[in-house]
N, C-alpha and C. Protein backbone atom coordinates (compact mmCIF):
# COMPACT_ATOMS: atom_id res chain seq x y z
N MET A 1 -81.53 14.03 -95.10
CA MET A 1 -81.87 13.56 -96.44
C MET A 1 -83.36 13.78 -96.70
N THR A 2 -83.69 14.11 -97.93
CA THR A 2 -85.08 14.31 -98.32
C THR A 2 -85.66 13.04 -98.92
N LEU A 3 -86.97 13.03 -99.11
CA LEU A 3 -87.62 11.88 -99.74
C LEU A 3 -87.07 11.69 -101.14
N GLU A 4 -86.85 12.79 -101.84
CA GLU A 4 -86.28 12.72 -103.19
C GLU A 4 -84.87 12.13 -103.14
N GLY A 5 -84.13 12.45 -102.08
CA GLY A 5 -82.79 11.90 -101.93
C GLY A 5 -82.80 10.40 -101.74
N VAL A 6 -83.75 9.92 -100.96
CA VAL A 6 -83.89 8.48 -100.75
C VAL A 6 -84.22 7.80 -102.07
N GLN A 7 -85.15 8.40 -102.79
CA GLN A 7 -85.57 7.85 -104.09
C GLN A 7 -84.39 7.76 -105.05
N SER A 8 -83.60 8.83 -105.10
CA SER A 8 -82.47 8.88 -106.03
C SER A 8 -81.34 7.94 -105.60
N ARG A 9 -81.03 7.93 -104.32
CA ARG A 9 -79.89 7.14 -103.83
C ARG A 9 -80.11 5.65 -104.03
N TYR A 10 -81.34 5.17 -103.82
CA TYR A 10 -81.59 3.74 -103.89
C TYR A 10 -82.29 3.32 -105.18
N GLY A 11 -82.55 4.27 -106.07
CA GLY A 11 -83.13 3.94 -107.36
C GLY A 11 -84.50 3.33 -107.26
N ILE A 12 -85.35 3.88 -106.39
CA ILE A 12 -86.69 3.33 -106.19
C ILE A 12 -87.73 4.40 -106.50
N SER A 13 -88.97 3.97 -106.61
CA SER A 13 -90.05 4.91 -106.91
C SER A 13 -90.34 5.79 -105.70
N ARG A 14 -91.01 6.89 -105.94
CA ARG A 14 -91.36 7.79 -104.85
C ARG A 14 -92.31 7.10 -103.86
N THR A 15 -93.22 6.29 -104.42
CA THR A 15 -94.16 5.58 -103.55
C THR A 15 -93.43 4.63 -102.61
N LEU A 16 -92.47 3.87 -103.14
CA LEU A 16 -91.72 2.92 -102.31
C LEU A 16 -90.86 3.67 -101.30
N ALA A 17 -90.25 4.77 -101.75
CA ALA A 17 -89.43 5.58 -100.84
C ALA A 17 -90.28 6.09 -99.68
N ARG A 18 -91.48 6.55 -99.99
CA ARG A 18 -92.37 7.07 -98.94
C ARG A 18 -92.77 5.96 -97.97
N ASP A 19 -93.07 4.77 -98.53
CA ASP A 19 -93.47 3.65 -97.67
C ASP A 19 -92.32 3.24 -96.74
N CYS A 20 -91.11 3.24 -97.27
CA CYS A 20 -89.95 2.87 -96.45
C CYS A 20 -89.74 3.87 -95.31
N VAL A 21 -89.85 5.13 -95.64
CA VAL A 21 -89.68 6.16 -94.62
C VAL A 21 -90.77 6.05 -93.56
N ARG A 22 -91.99 5.79 -93.99
CA ARG A 22 -93.08 5.63 -93.02
C ARG A 22 -92.85 4.44 -92.11
N ALA A 23 -92.33 3.34 -92.69
CA ALA A 23 -92.04 2.15 -91.89
C ALA A 23 -90.99 2.45 -90.83
N LEU A 24 -89.94 3.16 -91.24
CA LEU A 24 -88.89 3.53 -90.30
C LEU A 24 -89.41 4.52 -89.25
N GLU A 25 -90.30 5.40 -89.69
CA GLU A 25 -90.89 6.35 -88.75
C GLU A 25 -91.74 5.63 -87.71
N SER A 26 -92.47 4.59 -88.12
CA SER A 26 -93.31 3.84 -87.18
C SER A 26 -92.48 3.11 -86.15
N LEU A 27 -91.21 2.83 -86.47
CA LEU A 27 -90.30 2.17 -85.54
C LEU A 27 -89.50 3.15 -84.71
N GLY A 28 -89.80 4.44 -84.88
CA GLY A 28 -89.13 5.47 -84.11
C GLY A 28 -87.71 5.76 -84.57
N MET A 29 -87.35 5.33 -85.78
CA MET A 29 -85.97 5.44 -86.23
C MET A 29 -85.68 6.72 -86.98
N VAL A 30 -86.68 7.27 -87.66
CA VAL A 30 -86.49 8.52 -88.38
C VAL A 30 -87.65 9.45 -88.09
N GLU A 31 -87.43 10.72 -88.44
CA GLU A 31 -88.47 11.74 -88.21
C GLU A 31 -88.39 12.78 -89.33
N PRO A 32 -89.48 12.92 -90.11
CA PRO A 32 -89.49 13.96 -91.13
C PRO A 32 -89.66 15.34 -90.48
N ARG A 33 -88.85 16.31 -90.89
CA ARG A 33 -88.94 17.66 -90.35
C ARG A 33 -89.04 18.67 -91.49
N ARG A 34 -89.93 19.59 -91.31
CA ARG A 34 -90.10 20.62 -92.33
C ARG A 34 -88.82 21.41 -92.49
N ARG A 35 -88.49 21.68 -93.75
CA ARG A 35 -87.32 22.47 -94.14
C ARG A 35 -85.99 21.80 -93.77
N VAL A 36 -86.04 20.60 -93.26
CA VAL A 36 -84.82 19.88 -92.90
C VAL A 36 -84.72 18.57 -93.69
N GLY A 37 -85.82 17.82 -93.72
CA GLY A 37 -85.83 16.54 -94.39
C GLY A 37 -86.02 15.40 -93.40
N ILE A 38 -85.50 14.24 -93.75
CA ILE A 38 -85.66 13.05 -92.92
C ILE A 38 -84.45 12.94 -91.99
N VAL A 39 -84.73 12.96 -90.70
CA VAL A 39 -83.66 12.96 -89.69
C VAL A 39 -83.66 11.63 -88.93
N VAL A 40 -82.48 11.04 -88.78
CA VAL A 40 -82.36 9.82 -87.99
C VAL A 40 -82.44 10.18 -86.51
N ARG A 41 -83.32 9.49 -85.80
CA ARG A 41 -83.52 9.78 -84.38
C ARG A 41 -82.50 9.01 -83.54
N PRO A 42 -82.26 9.46 -82.31
CA PRO A 42 -81.31 8.74 -81.42
C PRO A 42 -81.78 7.31 -81.16
N ARG A 43 -80.84 6.41 -80.88
CA ARG A 43 -81.18 5.01 -80.63
C ARG A 43 -82.19 4.85 -79.50
N GLU A 44 -82.13 5.77 -78.54
CA GLU A 44 -83.05 5.69 -77.41
C GLU A 44 -84.50 5.84 -77.84
N SER A 45 -84.73 6.37 -79.04
CA SER A 45 -86.09 6.58 -79.53
C SER A 45 -86.59 5.40 -80.37
N TRP A 46 -85.70 4.49 -80.73
CA TRP A 46 -86.09 3.37 -81.57
C TRP A 46 -86.95 2.38 -80.79
N SER A 47 -87.78 1.63 -81.49
CA SER A 47 -88.60 0.59 -80.87
C SER A 47 -87.69 -0.60 -80.58
N ALA A 48 -87.14 -0.62 -79.38
CA ALA A 48 -86.08 -1.58 -79.05
C ALA A 48 -86.50 -3.03 -79.17
N LEU A 49 -87.80 -3.31 -79.00
CA LEU A 49 -88.27 -4.69 -79.04
C LEU A 49 -88.98 -5.06 -80.33
N ALA A 50 -88.95 -4.19 -81.31
CA ALA A 50 -89.53 -4.54 -82.62
C ALA A 50 -88.61 -5.57 -83.29
N PRO A 51 -89.14 -6.73 -83.67
CA PRO A 51 -88.28 -7.76 -84.27
C PRO A 51 -87.44 -7.26 -85.44
N GLN A 52 -88.01 -6.34 -86.25
CA GLN A 52 -87.23 -5.83 -87.39
C GLN A 52 -86.00 -5.07 -86.91
N VAL A 53 -86.18 -4.25 -85.88
CA VAL A 53 -85.07 -3.46 -85.35
C VAL A 53 -84.02 -4.40 -84.74
N VAL A 54 -84.48 -5.39 -83.99
CA VAL A 54 -83.56 -6.36 -83.39
C VAL A 54 -82.76 -7.07 -84.48
N ARG A 55 -83.44 -7.51 -85.54
CA ARG A 55 -82.77 -8.23 -86.62
C ARG A 55 -81.72 -7.36 -87.29
N TRP A 56 -82.08 -6.11 -87.58
CA TRP A 56 -81.13 -5.21 -88.23
C TRP A 56 -79.91 -4.96 -87.36
N GLN A 57 -80.12 -4.75 -86.08
CA GLN A 57 -79.00 -4.49 -85.19
C GLN A 57 -78.08 -5.70 -85.06
N LEU A 58 -78.66 -6.89 -84.98
CA LEU A 58 -77.84 -8.09 -84.87
C LEU A 58 -77.13 -8.41 -86.18
N ASP A 59 -77.76 -8.09 -87.30
CA ASP A 59 -77.11 -8.31 -88.60
C ASP A 59 -75.89 -7.40 -88.76
N VAL A 60 -76.06 -6.15 -88.36
CA VAL A 60 -74.99 -5.16 -88.53
C VAL A 60 -73.84 -5.42 -87.56
N ASP A 61 -74.17 -5.79 -86.32
CA ASP A 61 -73.14 -5.96 -85.30
C ASP A 61 -73.46 -7.19 -84.44
N PRO A 62 -73.16 -8.40 -84.95
CA PRO A 62 -73.51 -9.63 -84.22
C PRO A 62 -72.89 -9.71 -82.83
N GLN A 63 -71.73 -9.08 -82.64
CA GLN A 63 -71.05 -9.15 -81.35
C GLN A 63 -71.25 -7.87 -80.53
N GLY A 64 -72.19 -7.06 -80.97
CA GLY A 64 -72.45 -5.80 -80.27
C GLY A 64 -73.27 -5.98 -79.01
N PRO A 65 -73.63 -4.88 -78.38
CA PRO A 65 -74.33 -4.94 -77.09
C PRO A 65 -75.77 -5.43 -77.17
N LYS A 66 -76.37 -5.43 -78.37
CA LYS A 66 -77.79 -5.79 -78.45
C LYS A 66 -78.04 -7.24 -78.02
N LEU A 67 -77.19 -8.16 -78.45
CA LEU A 67 -77.39 -9.56 -78.09
C LEU A 67 -77.26 -9.75 -76.59
N GLY A 68 -76.32 -9.05 -75.97
CA GLY A 68 -76.17 -9.13 -74.53
C GLY A 68 -77.37 -8.55 -73.80
N ALA A 69 -77.87 -7.43 -74.29
CA ALA A 69 -79.03 -6.80 -73.67
C ALA A 69 -80.25 -7.70 -73.74
N LEU A 70 -80.44 -8.35 -74.88
CA LEU A 70 -81.59 -9.22 -75.05
C LEU A 70 -81.44 -10.53 -74.27
N THR A 71 -80.22 -10.97 -74.06
CA THR A 71 -79.99 -12.13 -73.21
C THR A 71 -80.36 -11.81 -71.77
N GLU A 72 -80.07 -10.58 -71.34
CA GLU A 72 -80.53 -10.14 -70.01
C GLU A 72 -82.05 -10.16 -69.94
N LEU A 73 -82.69 -9.73 -71.02
CA LEU A 73 -84.16 -9.75 -71.06
C LEU A 73 -84.68 -11.17 -70.93
N ARG A 74 -84.06 -12.10 -71.62
CA ARG A 74 -84.47 -13.50 -71.53
C ARG A 74 -84.35 -14.00 -70.09
N THR A 75 -83.27 -13.62 -69.42
CA THR A 75 -83.05 -14.05 -68.04
C THR A 75 -84.17 -13.57 -67.13
N ALA A 76 -84.67 -12.38 -67.41
CA ALA A 76 -85.73 -11.80 -66.58
C ALA A 76 -87.10 -12.38 -66.91
N ILE A 77 -87.34 -12.70 -68.18
CA ILE A 77 -88.69 -13.06 -68.63
C ILE A 77 -88.95 -14.56 -68.71
N GLU A 78 -88.06 -15.30 -69.34
CA GLU A 78 -88.37 -16.70 -69.65
C GLU A 78 -88.57 -17.61 -68.43
N PRO A 79 -87.79 -17.46 -67.36
CA PRO A 79 -88.07 -18.31 -66.19
C PRO A 79 -89.47 -18.08 -65.62
N VAL A 80 -89.89 -16.82 -65.54
CA VAL A 80 -91.22 -16.50 -65.03
C VAL A 80 -92.29 -17.03 -65.98
N ALA A 81 -92.03 -16.92 -67.28
CA ALA A 81 -92.98 -17.44 -68.27
C ALA A 81 -93.10 -18.95 -68.16
N ALA A 82 -91.99 -19.63 -67.90
CA ALA A 82 -92.03 -21.09 -67.75
C ALA A 82 -92.88 -21.49 -66.54
N ALA A 83 -92.73 -20.76 -65.44
CA ALA A 83 -93.54 -21.03 -64.25
C ALA A 83 -95.02 -20.81 -64.54
N ALA A 84 -95.31 -19.73 -65.26
CA ALA A 84 -96.70 -19.44 -65.63
C ALA A 84 -97.25 -20.52 -66.54
N ALA A 85 -96.41 -21.02 -67.46
CA ALA A 85 -96.85 -22.09 -68.36
C ALA A 85 -97.18 -23.36 -67.58
N ALA A 86 -96.40 -23.63 -66.53
CA ALA A 86 -96.68 -24.82 -65.71
C ALA A 86 -98.05 -24.72 -65.05
N ARG A 87 -98.49 -23.50 -64.78
CA ARG A 87 -99.78 -23.31 -64.14
C ARG A 87 -100.94 -23.25 -65.14
N ARG A 88 -100.67 -22.76 -66.37
CA ARG A 88 -101.77 -22.41 -67.26
C ARG A 88 -101.79 -23.13 -68.61
N ALA A 89 -100.75 -23.81 -68.98
CA ALA A 89 -100.68 -24.40 -70.33
C ALA A 89 -101.82 -25.39 -70.55
N THR A 90 -102.27 -25.46 -71.79
CA THR A 90 -103.26 -26.46 -72.15
C THR A 90 -102.57 -27.83 -72.27
N GLU A 91 -103.36 -28.88 -72.28
CA GLU A 91 -102.79 -30.22 -72.42
C GLU A 91 -102.05 -30.35 -73.75
N ARG A 92 -102.59 -29.73 -74.78
CA ARG A 92 -101.93 -29.80 -76.10
C ARG A 92 -100.58 -29.10 -76.05
N GLN A 93 -100.52 -27.96 -75.38
CA GLN A 93 -99.25 -27.24 -75.28
C GLN A 93 -98.24 -28.03 -74.46
N ARG A 94 -98.69 -28.64 -73.37
CA ARG A 94 -97.77 -29.45 -72.55
C ARG A 94 -97.20 -30.61 -73.37
N SER A 95 -98.05 -31.26 -74.14
CA SER A 95 -97.61 -32.38 -74.96
C SER A 95 -96.64 -31.91 -76.04
N ALA A 96 -96.94 -30.77 -76.66
CA ALA A 96 -96.08 -30.25 -77.72
C ALA A 96 -94.70 -29.87 -77.18
N LEU A 97 -94.65 -29.32 -75.98
CA LEU A 97 -93.36 -28.96 -75.39
C LEU A 97 -92.52 -30.20 -75.11
N LEU A 98 -93.15 -31.26 -74.62
CA LEU A 98 -92.42 -32.51 -74.38
C LEU A 98 -91.86 -33.07 -75.69
N THR A 99 -92.67 -33.02 -76.74
CA THR A 99 -92.23 -33.53 -78.04
C THR A 99 -91.06 -32.72 -78.57
N LEU A 100 -91.16 -31.41 -78.48
CA LEU A 100 -90.08 -30.54 -78.96
C LEU A 100 -88.80 -30.75 -78.16
N ALA A 101 -88.93 -30.82 -76.85
CA ALA A 101 -87.75 -30.99 -76.00
C ALA A 101 -87.04 -32.30 -76.29
N THR A 102 -87.81 -33.36 -76.48
CA THR A 102 -87.22 -34.67 -76.79
C THR A 102 -86.50 -34.63 -78.14
N SER A 103 -87.12 -33.96 -79.10
CA SER A 103 -86.52 -33.85 -80.43
C SER A 103 -85.25 -33.00 -80.38
N ILE A 104 -85.29 -31.91 -79.61
CA ILE A 104 -84.12 -31.04 -79.46
C ILE A 104 -82.95 -31.81 -78.87
N ARG A 105 -83.23 -32.60 -77.83
CA ARG A 105 -82.16 -33.40 -77.21
C ARG A 105 -81.61 -34.42 -78.19
N SER A 106 -82.49 -35.05 -78.94
CA SER A 106 -82.05 -36.07 -79.89
C SER A 106 -81.19 -35.47 -80.99
N LYS A 107 -81.65 -34.37 -81.55
CA LYS A 107 -80.90 -33.75 -82.65
C LYS A 107 -79.59 -33.15 -82.17
N GLY A 108 -79.61 -32.61 -80.94
CA GLY A 108 -78.37 -32.08 -80.40
C GLY A 108 -77.36 -33.17 -80.12
N THR A 109 -77.83 -34.30 -79.66
CA THR A 109 -76.95 -35.42 -79.33
C THR A 109 -76.34 -36.04 -80.59
N THR A 110 -77.12 -36.11 -81.66
CA THR A 110 -76.66 -36.74 -82.90
C THR A 110 -76.05 -35.75 -83.89
N GLY A 111 -76.04 -34.45 -83.51
CA GLY A 111 -75.42 -33.44 -84.37
C GLY A 111 -76.25 -33.02 -85.55
N MET A 112 -77.55 -33.23 -85.48
CA MET A 112 -78.44 -32.82 -86.59
C MET A 112 -78.79 -31.33 -86.41
N VAL A 113 -77.88 -30.47 -86.85
CA VAL A 113 -78.04 -29.04 -86.59
C VAL A 113 -78.95 -28.34 -87.61
N ALA A 114 -79.23 -29.02 -88.72
CA ALA A 114 -79.98 -28.36 -89.80
C ALA A 114 -81.32 -27.83 -89.32
N SER A 115 -82.05 -28.64 -88.53
CA SER A 115 -83.36 -28.22 -88.07
C SER A 115 -83.39 -27.93 -86.58
N TYR A 116 -82.22 -27.99 -85.92
CA TYR A 116 -82.17 -27.76 -84.48
C TYR A 116 -82.67 -26.36 -84.12
N LEU A 117 -82.15 -25.34 -84.81
CA LEU A 117 -82.50 -23.96 -84.48
C LEU A 117 -84.00 -23.73 -84.63
N GLU A 118 -84.59 -24.26 -85.68
CA GLU A 118 -86.02 -24.10 -85.91
C GLU A 118 -86.84 -24.65 -84.74
N GLU A 119 -86.45 -25.82 -84.25
CA GLU A 119 -87.19 -26.42 -83.14
C GLU A 119 -86.90 -25.71 -81.82
N ASP A 120 -85.68 -25.20 -81.66
CA ASP A 120 -85.35 -24.46 -80.45
C ASP A 120 -86.19 -23.18 -80.37
N ILE A 121 -86.33 -22.49 -81.49
CA ILE A 121 -87.17 -21.30 -81.54
C ILE A 121 -88.62 -21.66 -81.24
N ALA A 122 -89.09 -22.77 -81.82
CA ALA A 122 -90.47 -23.20 -81.57
C ALA A 122 -90.69 -23.51 -80.10
N PHE A 123 -89.70 -24.12 -79.45
CA PHE A 123 -89.82 -24.48 -78.04
C PHE A 123 -89.95 -23.24 -77.17
N HIS A 124 -89.02 -22.31 -77.33
CA HIS A 124 -89.03 -21.12 -76.47
C HIS A 124 -90.24 -20.23 -76.77
N SER A 125 -90.66 -20.19 -78.02
CA SER A 125 -91.86 -19.42 -78.37
C SER A 125 -93.09 -20.03 -77.73
N LEU A 126 -93.16 -21.37 -77.72
CA LEU A 126 -94.33 -22.04 -77.14
C LEU A 126 -94.39 -21.85 -75.63
N VAL A 127 -93.24 -21.81 -74.98
CA VAL A 127 -93.24 -21.54 -73.53
C VAL A 127 -93.87 -20.18 -73.26
N LEU A 128 -93.50 -19.18 -74.06
CA LEU A 128 -94.09 -17.85 -73.88
C LEU A 128 -95.60 -17.88 -74.13
N LYS A 129 -96.01 -18.56 -75.19
CA LYS A 129 -97.44 -18.63 -75.51
C LYS A 129 -98.21 -19.42 -74.45
N ALA A 130 -97.60 -20.50 -73.95
CA ALA A 130 -98.26 -21.34 -72.96
C ALA A 130 -98.43 -20.65 -71.61
N SER A 131 -97.72 -19.54 -71.41
CA SER A 131 -97.90 -18.78 -70.17
C SER A 131 -99.27 -18.12 -70.13
N HIS A 132 -99.88 -17.96 -71.31
CA HIS A 132 -101.17 -17.29 -71.46
C HIS A 132 -101.13 -15.88 -70.86
N ASN A 133 -99.96 -15.29 -70.98
CA ASN A 133 -99.75 -13.88 -70.61
C ASN A 133 -99.44 -13.16 -71.92
N ASP A 134 -100.34 -12.29 -72.36
CA ASP A 134 -100.17 -11.71 -73.68
C ASP A 134 -98.92 -10.84 -73.79
N THR A 135 -98.43 -10.29 -72.68
CA THR A 135 -97.21 -9.49 -72.75
C THR A 135 -95.99 -10.37 -72.98
N PHE A 136 -96.00 -11.59 -72.42
CA PHE A 136 -94.92 -12.53 -72.70
C PHE A 136 -95.01 -13.02 -74.15
N GLU A 137 -96.22 -13.35 -74.57
CA GLU A 137 -96.41 -13.85 -75.93
C GLU A 137 -95.98 -12.83 -76.97
N ALA A 138 -96.12 -11.54 -76.65
CA ALA A 138 -95.73 -10.48 -77.58
C ALA A 138 -94.22 -10.49 -77.85
N LEU A 139 -93.46 -11.19 -77.03
CA LEU A 139 -92.01 -11.22 -77.18
C LEU A 139 -91.51 -12.40 -78.02
N THR A 140 -92.43 -13.20 -78.56
CA THR A 140 -91.99 -14.39 -79.30
C THR A 140 -91.11 -14.03 -80.50
N GLY A 141 -91.47 -12.97 -81.21
CA GLY A 141 -90.66 -12.57 -82.36
C GLY A 141 -89.27 -12.12 -81.95
N VAL A 142 -89.19 -11.43 -80.82
CA VAL A 142 -87.90 -10.96 -80.32
C VAL A 142 -87.03 -12.14 -79.91
N ILE A 143 -87.61 -13.09 -79.17
CA ILE A 143 -86.84 -14.26 -78.73
C ILE A 143 -86.34 -15.05 -79.93
N ALA A 144 -87.15 -15.15 -80.97
CA ALA A 144 -86.71 -15.85 -82.18
C ALA A 144 -85.49 -15.17 -82.79
N GLU A 145 -85.49 -13.84 -82.81
CA GLU A 145 -84.34 -13.12 -83.35
C GLU A 145 -83.11 -13.29 -82.48
N VAL A 146 -83.30 -13.35 -81.16
CA VAL A 146 -82.16 -13.55 -80.26
C VAL A 146 -81.54 -14.92 -80.48
N LEU A 147 -82.38 -15.94 -80.58
CA LEU A 147 -81.86 -17.30 -80.80
C LEU A 147 -81.14 -17.39 -82.14
N SER A 148 -81.67 -16.72 -83.16
CA SER A 148 -80.99 -16.68 -84.46
C SER A 148 -79.71 -15.88 -84.35
N GLY A 149 -79.72 -14.84 -83.51
CA GLY A 149 -78.55 -13.99 -83.33
C GLY A 149 -77.37 -14.74 -82.75
N ARG A 150 -77.66 -15.73 -81.93
CA ARG A 150 -76.58 -16.56 -81.38
C ARG A 150 -75.85 -17.28 -82.51
N ALA A 151 -76.60 -17.71 -83.52
CA ALA A 151 -75.98 -18.37 -84.67
C ALA A 151 -75.16 -17.37 -85.48
N ARG A 152 -75.66 -16.12 -85.57
CA ARG A 152 -74.92 -15.09 -86.31
C ARG A 152 -73.57 -14.80 -85.66
N LEU A 153 -73.50 -14.97 -84.35
CA LEU A 153 -72.28 -14.64 -83.62
C LEU A 153 -71.09 -15.45 -84.11
N THR A 154 -71.34 -16.71 -84.46
CA THR A 154 -70.26 -17.59 -84.91
C THR A 154 -70.37 -17.96 -86.38
N GLY A 155 -71.48 -17.55 -87.02
CA GLY A 155 -71.65 -17.85 -88.43
C GLY A 155 -72.28 -19.20 -88.69
N GLN A 156 -72.64 -19.92 -87.63
CA GLN A 156 -73.28 -21.21 -87.81
C GLN A 156 -74.09 -21.57 -86.56
N VAL A 157 -75.02 -22.49 -86.73
CA VAL A 157 -75.83 -22.94 -85.60
C VAL A 157 -74.95 -23.79 -84.69
N GLN A 158 -74.91 -23.42 -83.41
CA GLN A 158 -74.14 -24.17 -82.44
C GLN A 158 -75.09 -24.96 -81.54
N VAL A 159 -74.95 -26.27 -81.53
CA VAL A 159 -75.78 -27.10 -80.66
C VAL A 159 -75.25 -26.97 -79.24
N PRO A 160 -76.13 -26.71 -78.26
CA PRO A 160 -75.68 -26.57 -76.87
C PRO A 160 -75.05 -27.84 -76.33
N VAL A 161 -74.39 -27.69 -75.20
CA VAL A 161 -73.78 -28.84 -74.53
C VAL A 161 -74.89 -29.75 -74.00
N ALA A 162 -74.50 -30.95 -73.59
CA ALA A 162 -75.47 -31.95 -73.15
C ALA A 162 -76.33 -31.44 -72.00
N GLU A 163 -75.73 -30.67 -71.10
CA GLU A 163 -76.49 -30.15 -69.96
C GLU A 163 -77.65 -29.27 -70.41
N ALA A 164 -77.39 -28.42 -71.41
CA ALA A 164 -78.44 -27.54 -71.92
C ALA A 164 -79.54 -28.32 -72.63
N LEU A 165 -79.14 -29.36 -73.35
CA LEU A 165 -80.13 -30.20 -74.03
C LEU A 165 -81.05 -30.86 -73.00
N GLU A 166 -80.45 -31.34 -71.91
CA GLU A 166 -81.24 -31.98 -70.86
C GLU A 166 -82.15 -30.96 -70.15
N LEU A 167 -81.68 -29.72 -70.04
CA LEU A 167 -82.49 -28.69 -69.38
C LEU A 167 -83.77 -28.40 -70.16
N HIS A 168 -83.72 -28.49 -71.48
CA HIS A 168 -84.93 -28.34 -72.27
C HIS A 168 -85.98 -29.39 -71.84
N VAL A 169 -85.50 -30.61 -71.64
CA VAL A 169 -86.40 -31.70 -71.24
C VAL A 169 -86.93 -31.44 -69.83
N ARG A 170 -86.07 -30.98 -68.93
CA ARG A 170 -86.51 -30.71 -67.57
C ARG A 170 -87.56 -29.62 -67.52
N VAL A 171 -87.36 -28.58 -68.33
CA VAL A 171 -88.36 -27.50 -68.40
C VAL A 171 -89.69 -28.05 -68.90
N ALA A 172 -89.64 -28.83 -69.97
CA ALA A 172 -90.87 -29.38 -70.57
C ALA A 172 -91.58 -30.31 -69.59
N ARG A 173 -90.84 -31.15 -68.90
CA ARG A 173 -91.46 -32.08 -67.96
C ARG A 173 -92.10 -31.33 -66.79
N ALA A 174 -91.42 -30.31 -66.32
CA ALA A 174 -91.96 -29.53 -65.20
C ALA A 174 -93.25 -28.84 -65.61
N ILE A 175 -93.27 -28.29 -66.82
CA ILE A 175 -94.49 -27.64 -67.31
C ILE A 175 -95.59 -28.68 -67.48
N ALA A 176 -95.23 -29.84 -68.01
CA ALA A 176 -96.22 -30.89 -68.27
C ALA A 176 -96.86 -31.39 -66.99
N THR A 177 -96.09 -31.39 -65.90
CA THR A 177 -96.62 -31.89 -64.62
C THR A 177 -97.13 -30.78 -63.71
N GLY A 178 -97.07 -29.54 -64.19
CA GLY A 178 -97.58 -28.43 -63.39
C GLY A 178 -96.66 -28.01 -62.27
N ASP A 179 -95.36 -28.34 -62.37
CA ASP A 179 -94.38 -28.00 -61.33
C ASP A 179 -93.77 -26.63 -61.66
N ALA A 180 -94.40 -25.58 -61.19
CA ALA A 180 -93.98 -24.23 -61.54
C ALA A 180 -92.59 -23.89 -61.03
N ALA A 181 -92.27 -24.32 -59.80
CA ALA A 181 -90.97 -24.00 -59.21
C ALA A 181 -89.82 -24.61 -60.01
N THR A 182 -89.97 -25.89 -60.39
CA THR A 182 -88.92 -26.54 -61.16
C THR A 182 -88.84 -25.98 -62.57
N ALA A 183 -89.98 -25.64 -63.16
CA ALA A 183 -89.97 -25.03 -64.50
C ALA A 183 -89.19 -23.73 -64.48
N GLU A 184 -89.42 -22.91 -63.47
CA GLU A 184 -88.73 -21.63 -63.38
C GLU A 184 -87.23 -21.82 -63.15
N THR A 185 -86.88 -22.69 -62.22
CA THR A 185 -85.46 -22.92 -61.91
C THR A 185 -84.72 -23.50 -63.12
N SER A 186 -85.33 -24.45 -63.79
CA SER A 186 -84.68 -25.09 -64.93
C SER A 186 -84.50 -24.12 -66.09
N MET A 187 -85.50 -23.29 -66.33
CA MET A 187 -85.37 -22.30 -67.40
C MET A 187 -84.30 -21.26 -67.04
N ARG A 188 -84.22 -20.90 -65.76
CA ARG A 188 -83.18 -19.95 -65.35
C ARG A 188 -81.79 -20.55 -65.59
N GLU A 189 -81.64 -21.82 -65.31
CA GLU A 189 -80.36 -22.50 -65.54
C GLU A 189 -80.05 -22.56 -67.04
N LEU A 190 -81.09 -22.78 -67.85
CA LEU A 190 -80.90 -22.88 -69.29
C LEU A 190 -80.44 -21.54 -69.88
N VAL A 191 -81.07 -20.45 -69.47
CA VAL A 191 -80.68 -19.15 -69.99
C VAL A 191 -79.30 -18.75 -69.45
N ALA A 192 -78.99 -19.17 -68.22
CA ALA A 192 -77.66 -18.89 -67.67
C ALA A 192 -76.58 -19.59 -68.48
N GLU A 193 -76.89 -20.80 -68.95
CA GLU A 193 -75.93 -21.53 -69.79
C GLU A 193 -75.68 -20.78 -71.09
N VAL A 194 -76.74 -20.21 -71.66
CA VAL A 194 -76.60 -19.43 -72.89
C VAL A 194 -75.70 -18.21 -72.63
N ARG A 195 -75.95 -17.53 -71.53
CA ARG A 195 -75.15 -16.36 -71.16
C ARG A 195 -73.67 -16.73 -71.06
N GLN A 196 -73.37 -17.85 -70.42
CA GLN A 196 -71.98 -18.25 -70.25
C GLN A 196 -71.33 -18.60 -71.59
N VAL A 197 -72.08 -19.26 -72.45
CA VAL A 197 -71.55 -19.60 -73.78
C VAL A 197 -71.19 -18.33 -74.55
N LEU A 198 -72.07 -17.34 -74.50
CA LEU A 198 -71.80 -16.08 -75.20
C LEU A 198 -70.57 -15.39 -74.63
N LEU A 199 -70.41 -15.42 -73.32
CA LEU A 199 -69.21 -14.85 -72.71
C LEU A 199 -67.96 -15.61 -73.15
N ASP A 200 -68.05 -16.92 -73.19
CA ASP A 200 -66.91 -17.75 -73.60
C ASP A 200 -66.52 -17.47 -75.05
N ARG A 201 -67.49 -17.03 -75.85
CA ARG A 201 -67.20 -16.76 -77.26
C ARG A 201 -66.83 -15.30 -77.51
N GLY A 202 -66.62 -14.57 -76.43
CA GLY A 202 -66.09 -13.23 -76.57
C GLY A 202 -67.09 -12.10 -76.55
N LEU A 203 -68.38 -12.41 -76.33
CA LEU A 203 -69.38 -11.34 -76.30
C LEU A 203 -69.29 -10.62 -74.96
N ARG A 204 -69.13 -9.32 -74.99
CA ARG A 204 -69.01 -8.55 -73.77
C ARG A 204 -70.15 -7.54 -73.70
N GLY A 205 -69.92 -6.42 -73.01
CA GLY A 205 -70.98 -5.41 -72.91
C GLY A 205 -71.90 -5.70 -71.76
N PHE A 206 -73.18 -5.89 -72.05
CA PHE A 206 -74.19 -6.06 -71.02
C PHE A 206 -73.95 -7.30 -70.16
N LEU A 207 -73.33 -8.32 -70.71
CA LEU A 207 -73.25 -9.59 -70.00
C LEU A 207 -72.22 -9.59 -68.87
N ASP A 208 -71.23 -8.71 -68.92
CA ASP A 208 -70.19 -8.76 -67.90
C ASP A 208 -70.00 -7.45 -67.17
N THR A 209 -71.01 -6.55 -67.22
CA THR A 209 -70.90 -5.27 -66.52
C THR A 209 -72.02 -5.15 -65.51
């Protein structure tokens, strides 16, 4: 497809069409070629961890392999980030994690799902930030999309079981007291619970191969 084709198909100005193509090009999704036009690149060339790409893939195929792949990523990253947070978090971050974890448990127990997801995203994002590892912190947008993607899988926010709610508190307490080993183990258990829930709800692909 050409730039003119994009403009005509979507009824937008040439300037907007060009900006859209450039945005997709920056994400590795398309490539303009002389005498050919705009070519869609293979998935292997896409910016796999760009939050926009993650969101689009989860929107199009909530039960597809992307959610499973990103859950594997969480399993590899978040426990280590929790241990790092136990060693490096500021006092303000430790306090904020305890507050969030307590609120998450309370809202999960009483069924207040309206703001549960927002606080769950804030909790996991803060763990990454509290690690004071900029490569972990760079994943906050991706983790937010993954947590939202779990809701897309069933069409609604699902509050975790009591064990998972308590694990949030255990992670926060371990970080607050500087217990890196317990922070890592508890976060690993928490992400494992998420993996099992996704399997129970029929998500396959990366999670069971």
